[in-house]
Amino acid sequence: ALALVGTAGIFLTLDAEFLAAVQILLYAGGVITIVVFAIVVTE
């Protein structure tokens, strides 16, 4: 999750606000939440 947020920060430094927002919402928000949920349920 920290790596994905760092990637969004890199996108912001490149003036790619849309890609940064997608990175935060879709990957850092959605995918990480699903993976954490899967790990907790599996354990």
All heavy atoms as atom14 arrays in JSON, in Angstrom:
{
  "sequence": "ALALVGTAGIFLTLDAEFLAAVQILLYAGGVITIVVFAIVVTE",
  "atom14_mask": [
    [1, 1, 1, 1, 1, 0, 0, 0, 0, 0, 0, 0, 0, 0],
    [1, 1, 1, 1, 1, 1, 1, 1, 0, 0, 0, 0, 0, 0],
    [1, 1, 1, 1, 1, 0, 0, 0, 0, 0, 0, 0, 0, 0],
    [1, 1, 1, 1, 1, 1, 1, 1, 0, 0, 0, 0, 0, 0],
    [1, 1, 1, 1, 1, 1, 1, 0, 0, 0, 0, 0, 0, 0],
    [1, 1, 1, 1, 0, 0, 0, 0, 0, 0, 0, 0, 0, 0],
    [1, 1, 1, 1, 1, 1, 1, 0, 0, 0, 0, 0, 0, 0],
    [1, 1, 1, 1, 1, 0, 0, 0, 0, 0, 0, 0, 0, 0],
    [1, 1, 1, 1, 0, 0, 0, 0, 0, 0, 0, 0, 0, 0],
    [1, 1, 1, 1, 1, 1, 1, 1, 0, 0, 0, 0, 0, 0],
    [1, 1, 1, 1, 1, 1, 1, 1, 1, 1, 1, 0, 0, 0],
    [1, 1, 1, 1, 1, 1, 1, 1, 0, 0, 0, 0, 0, 0],
    [1, 1, 1, 1, 1, 1, 1, 0, 0, 0, 0, 0, 0, 0],
    [1, 1, 1, 1, 1, 1, 1, 1, 0, 0, 0, 0, 0, 0],
    [1, 1, 1, 1, 1, 1, 1, 1, 0, 0, 0, 0, 0, 0],
    [1, 1, 1, 1, 1, 0, 0, 0, 0, 0, 0, 0, 0, 0],
    [1, 1, 1, 1, 1, 1, 1, 1, 1, 0, 0, 0, 0, 0],
    [1, 1, 1, 1, 1, 1, 1, 1, 1, 1, 1, 0, 0, 0],
    [1, 1, 1, 1, 1, 1, 1, 1, 0, 0, 0, 0, 0, 0],
    [1, 1, 1, 1, 1, 0, 0, 0, 0, 0, 0, 0, 0, 0],
    [1, 1, 1, 1, 1, 0, 0, 0, 0, 0, 0, 0, 0, 0],
    [1, 1, 1, 1, 1, 1, 1, 0, 0, 0, 0, 0, 0, 0],
    [1, 1, 1, 1, 1, 1, 1, 1, 1, 0, 0, 0, 0, 0],
    [1, 1, 1, 1, 1, 1, 1, 1, 0, 0, 0, 0, 0, 0],
    [1, 1, 1, 1, 1, 1, 1, 1, 0, 0, 0, 0, 0, 0],
    [1, 1, 1, 1, 1, 1, 1, 1, 0, 0, 0, 0, 0, 0],
    [1, 1, 1, 1, 1, 1, 1, 1, 1, 1, 1, 1, 0, 0],
    [1, 1, 1, 1, 1, 0, 0, 0, 0, 0, 0, 0, 0, 0],
    [1, 1, 1, 1, 0, 0, 0, 0, 0, 0, 0, 0, 0, 0],
    [1, 1, 1, 1, 0, 0, 0, 0, 0, 0, 0, 0, 0, 0],
    [1, 1, 1, 1, 1, 1, 1, 0, 0, 0, 0, 0, 0, 0],
    [1, 1, 1, 1, 1, 1, 1, 1, 0, 0, 0, 0, 0, 0],
    [1, 1, 1, 1, 1, 1, 1, 0, 0, 0, 0, 0, 0, 0],
    [1, 1, 1, 1, 1, 1, 1, 1, 0, 0, 0, 0, 0, 0],
    [1, 1, 1, 1, 1, 1, 1, 0, 0, 0, 0, 0, 0, 0],
    [1, 1, 1, 1, 1, 1, 1, 0, 0, 0, 0, 0, 0, 0],
    [1, 1, 1, 1, 1, 1, 1, 1, 1, 1, 1, 0, 0, 0],
    [1, 1, 1, 1, 1, 0, 0, 0, 0, 0, 0, 0, 0, 0],
    [1, 1, 1, 1, 1, 1, 1, 1, 0, 0, 0, 0, 0, 0],
    [1, 1, 1, 1, 1, 1, 1, 0, 0, 0, 0, 0, 0, 0],
    [1, 1, 1, 1, 1, 1, 1, 0, 0, 0, 0, 0, 0, 0],
    [1, 1, 1, 1, 1, 1, 1, 0, 0, 0, 0, 0, 0, 0],
    [1, 1, 1, 1, 1, 1, 1, 1, 1, 0, 0, 0, 0, 0]
  ],
  "atom14_positions": [
    [[0.84, -1.2, 0.0], [0.0, 0.0, 0.0], [0.87, 1.26, 0.0], [0.59, 2.22, -0.71], [-0.93, -0.01, 1.2], [0.0, 0.0, 0.0], [0.0, 0.0, 0.0], [0.0, 0.0, 0.0], [0.0, 0.0, 0.0], [0.0, 0.0, 0.0], [0.0, 0.0, 0.0], [0.0, 0.0, 0.0], [0.0, 0.0, 0.0], [0.0, 0.0, 0.0]],
    [[1.94, 1.25, 0.8], [2.85, 2.39, 0.82], [3.53, 2.58, -0.54], [3.68, 3.72, -1.01], [3.91, 2.21, 1.92], [4.92, 3.33, 2.08], [4.23, 4.64, 2.45], [5.96, 2.96, 3.11], [0.0, 0.0, 0.0], [0.0, 0.0, 0.0], [0.0, 0.0, 0.0], [0.0, 0.0, 0.0], [0.0, 0.0, 0.0], [0.0, 0.0, 0.0]],
    [[3.9, 1.48, -1.2], [4.51, 1.57, -2.53], [3.53, 2.16, -3.54], [3.9, 2.97, -4.39], [5.0, 0.2, -2.98], [0.0, 0.0, 0.0], [0.0, 0.0, 0.0], [0.0, 0.0, 0.0], [0.0, 0.0, 0.0], [0.0, 0.0, 0.0], [0.0, 0.0, 0.0], [0.0, 0.0, 0.0], [0.0, 0.0, 0.0], [0.0, 0.0, 0.0]],
    [[2.27, 1.76, -3.45], [1.27, 2.28, -4.38], [1.0, 3.77, -4.14], [0.81, 4.53, -5.1], [-0.02, 1.47, -4.27], [0.09, 0.01, -4.75], [-1.18, -0.75, -4.42], [0.4, -0.06, -6.21], [0.0, 0.0, 0.0], [0.0, 0.0, 0.0], [0.0, 0.0, 0.0], [0.0, 0.0, 0.0], [0.0, 0.0, 0.0], [0.0, 0.0, 0.0]],
    [[0.99, 4.18, -2.89], [0.82, 5.6, -2.59], [2.04, 6.39, -3.06], [1.92, 7.51, -3.59], [0.55, 5.81, -1.09], [0.61, 7.28, -0.71], [-0.8, 5.22, -0.71], [0.0, 0.0, 0.0], [0.0, 0.0, 0.0], [0.0, 0.0, 0.0], [0.0, 0.0, 0.0], [0.0, 0.0, 0.0], [0.0, 0.0, 0.0], [0.0, 0.0, 0.0]],
    [[3.23, 5.82, -2.92], [4.44, 6.46, -3.43], [4.4, 6.61, -4.95], [4.82, 7.64, -5.49], [0.0, 0.0, 0.0], [0.0, 0.0, 0.0], [0.0, 0.0, 0.0], [0.0, 0.0, 0.0], [0.0, 0.0, 0.0], [0.0, 0.0, 0.0], [0.0, 0.0, 0.0], [0.0, 0.0, 0.0], [0.0, 0.0, 0.0], [0.0, 0.0, 0.0]],
    [[3.86, 5.61, -5.62], [3.69, 5.69, -7.07], [2.74, 6.82, -7.44], [2.97, 7.56, -8.41], [3.18, 4.35, -7.63], [4.09, 3.32, -7.23], [3.08, 4.39, -9.13], [0.0, 0.0, 0.0], [0.0, 0.0, 0.0], [0.0, 0.0, 0.0], [0.0, 0.0, 0.0], [0.0, 0.0, 0.0], [0.0, 0.0, 0.0], [0.0, 0.0, 0.0]],
    [[1.66, 6.96, -6.67], [0.74, 8.07, -6.92], [1.44, 9.41, -6.72], [1.19, 10.36, -7.46], [-0.47, 7.95, -5.99], [0.0, 0.0, 0.0], [0.0, 0.0, 0.0], [0.0, 0.0, 0.0], [0.0, 0.0, 0.0], [0.0, 0.0, 0.0], [0.0, 0.0, 0.0], [0.0, 0.0, 0.0], [0.0, 0.0, 0.0], [0.0, 0.0, 0.0]],
    [[2.31, 9.49, -5.73], [3.08, 10.72, -5.53], [3.99, 11.03, -6.71], [4.12, 12.19, -7.11], [0.0, 0.0, 0.0], [0.0, 0.0, 0.0], [0.0, 0.0, 0.0], [0.0, 0.0, 0.0], [0.0, 0.0, 0.0], [0.0, 0.0, 0.0], [0.0, 0.0, 0.0], [0.0, 0.0, 0.0], [0.0, 0.0, 0.0], [0.0, 0.0, 0.0]],
    [[4.6, 9.99, -7.27], [5.43, 10.18, -8.48], [4.57, 10.71, -9.63], [4.97, 11.6, -10.37], [6.12, 8.86, -8.89], [7.09, 8.39, -7.81], [6.81, 8.99, -10.24], [8.4, 9.12, -7.75], [0.0, 0.0, 0.0], [0.0, 0.0, 0.0], [0.0, 0.0, 0.0], [0.0, 0.0, 0.0], [0.0, 0.0, 0.0], [0.0, 0.0, 0.0]],
    [[3.36, 10.15, -9.77], [2.45, 10.65, -10.81], [2.12, 12.12, -10.58], [2.01, 12.89, -11.54], [1.16, 9.83, -10.85], [1.31, 8.47, -11.46], [0.55, 7.41, -10.99], [2.19, 8.23, -12.5], [0.67, 6.15, -11.55], [2.32, 6.98, -13.07], [1.56, 5.93, -12.59], [0.0, 0.0, 0.0], [0.0, 0.0, 0.0], [0.0, 0.0, 0.0]],
    [[1.94, 12.52, -9.34], [1.65, 13.93, -9.05], [2.81, 14.83, -9.43], [2.61, 15.94, -9.91], [1.29, 14.11, -7.58], [-0.12, 13.69, -7.18], [-0.31, 13.83, -5.68], [-1.16, 14.48, -7.94], [0.0, 0.0, 0.0], [0.0, 0.0, 0.0], [0.0, 0.0, 0.0], [0.0, 0.0, 0.0], [0.0, 0.0, 0.0], [0.0, 0.0, 0.0]],
    [[4.04, 14.37, -9.2], [5.19, 15.2, -9.59], [5.3, 15.32, -11.1], [5.92, 16.25, -11.6], [6.52, 14.63, -9.04], [6.74, 13.33, -9.58], [6.51, 14.59, -7.52], [0.0, 0.0, 0.0], [0.0, 0.0, 0.0], [0.0, 0.0, 0.0], [0.0, 0.0, 0.0], [0.0, 0.0, 0.0], [0.0, 0.0, 0.0], [0.0, 0.0, 0.0]],
    [[4.69, 14.39, -11.83], [4.7, 14.43, -13.29], [3.47, 15.11, -13.87], [3.21, 15.03, -15.06], [4.81, 13.0, -13.85], [6.09, 12.26, -13.53], [5.99, 10.81, -13.96], [7.27, 12.94, -14.19], [0.0, 0.0, 0.0], [0.0, 0.0, 0.0], [0.0, 0.0, 0.0], [0.0, 0.0, 0.0], [0.0, 0.0, 0.0], [0.0, 0.0, 0.0]],
    [[2.69, 15.79, -13.02], [1.46, 16.48, -13.42], [0.43, 15.54, -14.04], [-0.27, 15.9, -14.98], [1.75, 17.63, -14.39], [2.51, 18.76, -13.73], [2.29, 18.97, -12.52], [3.33, 19.4, -14.4], [0.0, 0.0, 0.0], [0.0, 0.0, 0.0], [0.0, 0.0, 0.0], [0.0, 0.0, 0.0], [0.0, 0.0, 0.0], [0.0, 0.0, 0.0]],
    [[0.35, 14.32, -13.51], [-0.64, 13.34, -13.97], [-1.63, 13.09, -12.83], [-1.61, 12.04, -12.21], [0.04, 12.06, -14.41], [0.0, 0.0, 0.0], [0.0, 0.0, 0.0], [0.0, 0.0, 0.0], [0.0, 0.0, 0.0], [0.0, 0.0, 0.0], [0.0, 0.0, 0.0], [0.0, 0.0, 0.0], [0.0, 0.0, 0.0], [0.0, 0.0, 0.0]],
    [[-2.47, 14.08, -12.58], [-3.39, 14.0, -11.44], [-4.39, 12.86, -11.6], [-4.74, 12.2, -10.62], [-4.14, 15.31, -11.26], [-3.28, 16.49, -10.89], [-2.73, 17.21, -12.12], [-3.11, 16.85, -13.25], [-1.91, 18.12, -11.93], [0.0, 0.0, 0.0], [0.0, 0.0, 0.0], [0.0, 0.0, 0.0], [0.0, 0.0, 0.0], [0.0, 0.0, 0.0]],
    [[-4.85, 12.62, -12.81], [-5.82, 11.54, -13.04], [-5.22, 10.19, -12.69], [-5.85, 9.37, -12.01], [-6.3, 11.56, -14.49], [-7.28, 10.48, -14.81], [-8.59, 10.57, -14.38], [-6.9, 9.35, -15.52], [-9.51, 9.57, -14.66], [-7.8, 8.35, -15.81], [-9.11, 8.46, -15.38], [0.0, 0.0, 0.0], [0.0, 0.0, 0.0], [0.0, 0.0, 0.0]],
    [[-4.0, 9.94, -13.15], [-3.35, 8.67, -12.83], [-3.09, 8.53, -11.34], [-3.22, 7.44, -10.77], [-2.04, 8.53, -13.6], [-2.16, 8.32, -15.1], [-0.8, 8.27, -15.74], [-2.94, 7.07, -15.4], [0.0, 0.0, 0.0], [0.0, 0.0, 0.0], [0.0, 0.0, 0.0], [0.0, 0.0, 0.0], [0.0, 0.0, 0.0], [0.0, 0.0, 0.0]],
    [[-2.74, 9.62, -10.68], [-2.54, 9.58, -9.23], [-3.83, 9.24, -8.5], [-3.85, 8.43, -7.57], [-1.97, 10.91, -8.73], [0.0, 0.0, 0.0], [0.0, 0.0, 0.0], [0.0, 0.0, 0.0], [0.0, 0.0, 0.0], [0.0, 0.0, 0.0], [0.0, 0.0, 0.0], [0.0, 0.0, 0.0], [0.0, 0.0, 0.0], [0.0, 0.0, 0.0]],
    [[-4.93, 9.84, -8.95], [-6.23, 9.56, -8.31], [-6.65, 8.12, -8.54], [-7.13, 7.45, -7.61], [-7.29, 10.52, -8.86], [0.0, 0.0, 0.0], [0.0, 0.0, 0.0], [0.0, 0.0, 0.0], [0.0, 0.0, 0.0], [0.0, 0.0, 0.0], [0.0, 0.0, 0.0], [0.0, 0.0, 0.0], [0.0, 0.0, 0.0], [0.0, 0.0, 0.0]],
    [[-6.46, 7.61, -9.74], [-6.79, 6.21, -10.02], [-5.9, 5.29, -9.19], [-6.37, 4.28, -8.64], [-6.64, 5.92, -11.53], [-6.68, 4.43, -11.82], [-7.72, 6.63, -12.3], [0.0, 0.0, 0.0], [0.0, 0.0, 0.0], [0.0, 0.0, 0.0], [0.0, 0.0, 0.0], [0.0, 0.0, 0.0], [0.0, 0.0, 0.0], [0.0, 0.0, 0.0]],
    [[-4.64, 5.63, -9.08], [-3.71, 4.82, -8.28], [-4.16, 4.74, -6.82], [-4.16, 3.68, -6.23], [-2.31, 5.43, -8.37], [-1.24, 4.63, -7.69], [-0.79, 3.45, -8.5], [-0.99, 3.38, -9.69], [-0.15, 2.51, -7.85], [0.0, 0.0, 0.0], [0.0, 0.0, 0.0], [0.0, 0.0, 0.0], [0.0, 0.0, 0.0], [0.0, 0.0, 0.0]],
    [[-4.56, 5.87, -6.27], [-4.99, 5.89, -4.87], [-6.33, 5.18, -4.69], [-6.48, 4.31, -3.83], [-5.11, 7.35, -4.35], [-3.74, 8.02, -4.31], [-5.78, 7.4, -3.0], [-2.84, 7.53, -3.2], [0.0, 0.0, 0.0], [0.0, 0.0, 0.0], [0.0, 0.0, 0.0], [0.0, 0.0, 0.0], [0.0, 0.0, 0.0], [0.0, 0.0, 0.0]],
    [[-7.32, 5.54, -5.51], [-8.65, 4.97, -5.34], [-8.72, 3.5, -5.68], [-9.26, 2.69, -4.91], [-9.66, 5.74, -6.21], [-9.94, 7.18, -5.78], [-10.84, 7.84, -6.81], [-10.59, 7.21, -4.42], [0.0, 0.0, 0.0], [0.0, 0.0, 0.0], [0.0, 0.0, 0.0], [0.0, 0.0, 0.0], [0.0, 0.0, 0.0], [0.0, 0.0, 0.0]],
    [[-8.19, 3.13, -6.83], [-8.37, 1.77, -7.31], [-7.39, 0.81, -6.65], [-7.79, -0.22, -6.1], [-8.2, 1.74, -8.83], [-8.59, 0.47, -9.53], [-10.08, 0.23, -9.37], [-8.24, 0.55, -10.99], [0.0, 0.0, 0.0], [0.0, 0.0, 0.0], [0.0, 0.0, 0.0], [0.0, 0.0, 0.0], [0.0, 0.0, 0.0], [0.0, 0.0, 0.0]],
    [[-6.11, 1.13, -6.68], [-5.11, 0.19, -6.2], [-4.91, 0.3, -4.69], [-5.1, -0.67, -3.97], [-3.79, 0.38, -6.95], [-3.9, 0.05, -8.4], [-3.68, 0.99, -9.38], [-4.26, -1.23, -8.8], [-3.79, 0.68, -10.72], [-4.37, -1.56, -10.13], [-4.13, -0.6, -11.08], [-4.25, -0.91, -12.41], [0.0, 0.0, 0.0], [0.0, 0.0, 0.0]],
    [[-4.48, 1.46, -4.23], [-4.18, 1.59, -2.81], [-5.44, 1.46, -1.96], [-5.39, 0.97, -0.84], [-3.49, 2.93, -2.54], [0.0, 0.0, 0.0], [0.0, 0.0, 0.0], [0.0, 0.0, 0.0], [0.0, 0.0, 0.0], [0.0, 0.0, 0.0], [0.0, 0.0, 0.0], [0.0, 0.0, 0.0], [0.0, 0.0, 0.0], [0.0, 0.0, 0.0]],
    [[-6.58, 1.88, -2.49], [-7.82, 1.76, -1.73], [-8.49, 0.43, -1.91], [-8.69, -0.33, -0.96], [0.0, 0.0, 0.0], [0.0, 0.0, 0.0], [0.0, 0.0, 0.0], [0.0, 0.0, 0.0], [0.0, 0.0, 0.0], [0.0, 0.0, 0.0], [0.0, 0.0, 0.0], [0.0, 0.0, 0.0], [0.0, 0.0, 0.0], [0.0, 0.0, 0.0]],
    [[-8.85, 0.1, -3.14], [-9.65, -1.09, -3.39], [-8.89, -2.39, -3.3], [-9.27, -3.3, -2.56], [0.0, 0.0, 0.0], [0.0, 0.0, 0.0], [0.0, 0.0, 0.0], [0.0, 0.0, 0.0], [0.0, 0.0, 0.0], [0.0, 0.0, 0.0], [0.0, 0.0, 0.0], [0.0, 0.0, 0.0], [0.0, 0.0, 0.0], [0.0, 0.0, 0.0]],
    [[-7.82, -2.52, -4.03], [-7.09, -3.79, -4.09], [-6.49, -4.13, -2.73], [-6.6, -5.28, -2.27], [-6.01, -3.72, -5.19], [-5.12, -4.94, -5.14], [-6.65, -3.59, -6.55], [0.0, 0.0, 0.0], [0.0, 0.0, 0.0], [0.0, 0.0, 0.0], [0.0, 0.0, 0.0], [0.0, 0.0, 0.0], [0.0, 0.0, 0.0], [0.0, 0.0, 0.0]],
    [[-5.89, -3.18, -2.07], [-5.27, -3.46, -0.77], [-6.34, -3.85, 0.24], [-6.14, -4.75, 1.05], [-4.45, -2.25, -0.29], [-3.29, -1.99, -1.24], [-3.94, -2.45, 1.12], [-2.31, -3.13, -1.38], [0.0, 0.0, 0.0], [0.0, 0.0, 0.0], [0.0, 0.0, 0.0], [0.0, 0.0, 0.0], [0.0, 0.0, 0.0], [0.0, 0.0, 0.0]],
    [[-7.5, -3.21, 0.21], [-8.58, -3.57, 1.13], [-9.02, -5.01, 0.89], [-9.22, -5.77, 1.85], [-9.77, -2.61, 0.95], [-9.31, -1.28, 1.16], [-10.89, -2.94, 1.9], [0.0, 0.0, 0.0], [0.0, 0.0, 0.0], [0.0, 0.0, 0.0], [0.0, 0.0, 0.0], [0.0, 0.0, 0.0], [0.0, 0.0, 0.0], [0.0, 0.0, 0.0]],
    [[-9.17, -5.4, -0.35], [-9.57, -6.77, -0.67], [-8.51, -7.76, -0.22], [-8.82, -8.82, 0.35], [-9.87, -6.9, -2.17], [-11.14, -6.12, -2.51], [-10.02, -8.36, -2.58], [-11.4, -6.0, -3.99], [0.0, 0.0, 0.0], [0.0, 0.0, 0.0], [0.0, 0.0, 0.0], [0.0, 0.0, 0.0], [0.0, 0.0, 0.0], [0.0, 0.0, 0.0]],
    [[-7.25, -7.46, -0.45], [-6.17, -8.38, -0.06], [-6.09, -8.51, 1.45], [-5.95, -9.62, 1.98], [-4.83, -7.93, -0.68], [-3.68, -8.73, -0.11], [-4.87, -8.04, -2.18], [0.0, 0.0, 0.0], [0.0, 0.0, 0.0], [0.0, 0.0, 0.0], [0.0, 0.0, 0.0], [0.0, 0.0, 0.0], [0.0, 0.0, 0.0], [0.0, 0.0, 0.0]],
    [[-6.2, -7.41, 2.17], [-6.19, -7.48, 3.64], [-7.37, -8.3, 4.14], [-7.22, -9.15, 5.03], [-6.19, -6.05, 4.26], [-6.5, -6.1, 5.73], [-4.86, -5.37, 4.01], [0.0, 0.0, 0.0], [0.0, 0.0, 0.0], [0.0, 0.0, 0.0], [0.0, 0.0, 0.0], [0.0, 0.0, 0.0], [0.0, 0.0, 0.0], [0.0, 0.0, 0.0]],
    [[-8.53, -8.08, 3.57], [-9.71, -8.85, 3.95], [-9.49, -10.34, 3.68], [-9.82, -11.2, 4.5], [-10.93, -8.34, 3.18], [-12.21, -9.04, 3.52], [-12.83, -8.83, 4.74], [-12.78, -9.92, 2.62], [-14.0, -9.48, 5.06], [-13.96, -10.57, 2.93], [-14.56, -10.36, 4.15], [0.0, 0.0, 0.0], [0.0, 0.0, 0.0], [0.0, 0.0, 0.0]],
    [[-8.91, -10.68, 2.53], [-8.66, -12.08, 2.2], [-7.67, -12.71, 3.16], [-7.84, -13.87, 3.58], [-8.15, -12.19, 0.76], [0.0, 0.0, 0.0], [0.0, 0.0, 0.0], [0.0, 0.0, 0.0], [0.0, 0.0, 0.0], [0.0, 0.0, 0.0], [0.0, 0.0, 0.0], [0.0, 0.0, 0.0], [0.0, 0.0, 0.0], [0.0, 0.0, 0.0]],
    [[-6.64, -11.97, 3.54], [-5.65, -12.5, 4.49], [-6.29, -12.76, 5.84], [-6.1, -13.82, 6.45], [-4.45, -11.55, 4.61], [-3.62, -11.56, 3.33], [-3.56, -11.94, 5.79], [-2.56, -10.51, 3.29], [0.0, 0.0, 0.0], [0.0, 0.0, 0.0], [0.0, 0.0, 0.0], [0.0, 0.0, 0.0], [0.0, 0.0, 0.0], [0.0, 0.0, 0.0]],
    [[-7.06, -11.8, 6.32], [-7.69, -11.95, 7.64], [-8.68, -13.12, 7.63], [-8.68, -13.94, 8.54], [-8.39, -10.63, 8.05], [-9.25, -10.83, 9.27], [-7.34, -9.55, 8.3], [0.0, 0.0, 0.0], [0.0, 0.0, 0.0], [0.0, 0.0, 0.0], [0.0, 0.0, 0.0], [0.0, 0.0, 0.0], [0.0, 0.0, 0.0], [0.0, 0.0, 0.0]],
    [[-9.5, -13.22, 6.61], [-10.48, -14.31, 6.54], [-9.78, -15.65, 6.4], [-10.16, -16.63, 7.05], [-11.47, -14.07, 5.37], [-12.31, -15.29, 5.1], [-12.35, -12.89, 5.69], [0.0, 0.0, 0.0], [0.0, 0.0, 0.0], [0.0, 0.0, 0.0], [0.0, 0.0, 0.0], [0.0, 0.0, 0.0], [0.0, 0.0, 0.0], [0.0, 0.0, 0.0]],
    [[-8.75, -15.73, 5.58], [-8.02, -16.98, 5.39], [-7.35, -17.43, 6.68], [-7.38, -18.61, 7.03], [-6.98, -16.83, 4.27], [-7.63, -16.38, 3.09], [-6.28, -18.14, 4.0], [0.0, 0.0, 0.0], [0.0, 0.0, 0.0], [0.0, 0.0, 0.0], [0.0, 0.0, 0.0], [0.0, 0.0, 0.0], [0.0, 0.0, 0.0], [0.0, 0.0, 0.0]],
    [[-6.76, -16.49, 7.42], [-6.12, -16.86, 8.68], [-7.14, -17.36, 9.69], [-6.87, -18.27, 10.46], [-5.33, -15.67, 9.25], [-4.03, -15.43, 8.54], [-3.23, -14.29, 9.14], [-3.72, -13.61, 10.06], [-2.09, -14.09, 8.68], [0.0, 0.0, 0.0], [0.0, 0.0, 0.0], [0.0, 0.0, 0.0], [0.0, 0.0, 0.0], [0.0, 0.0, 0.0]]
  ]
}
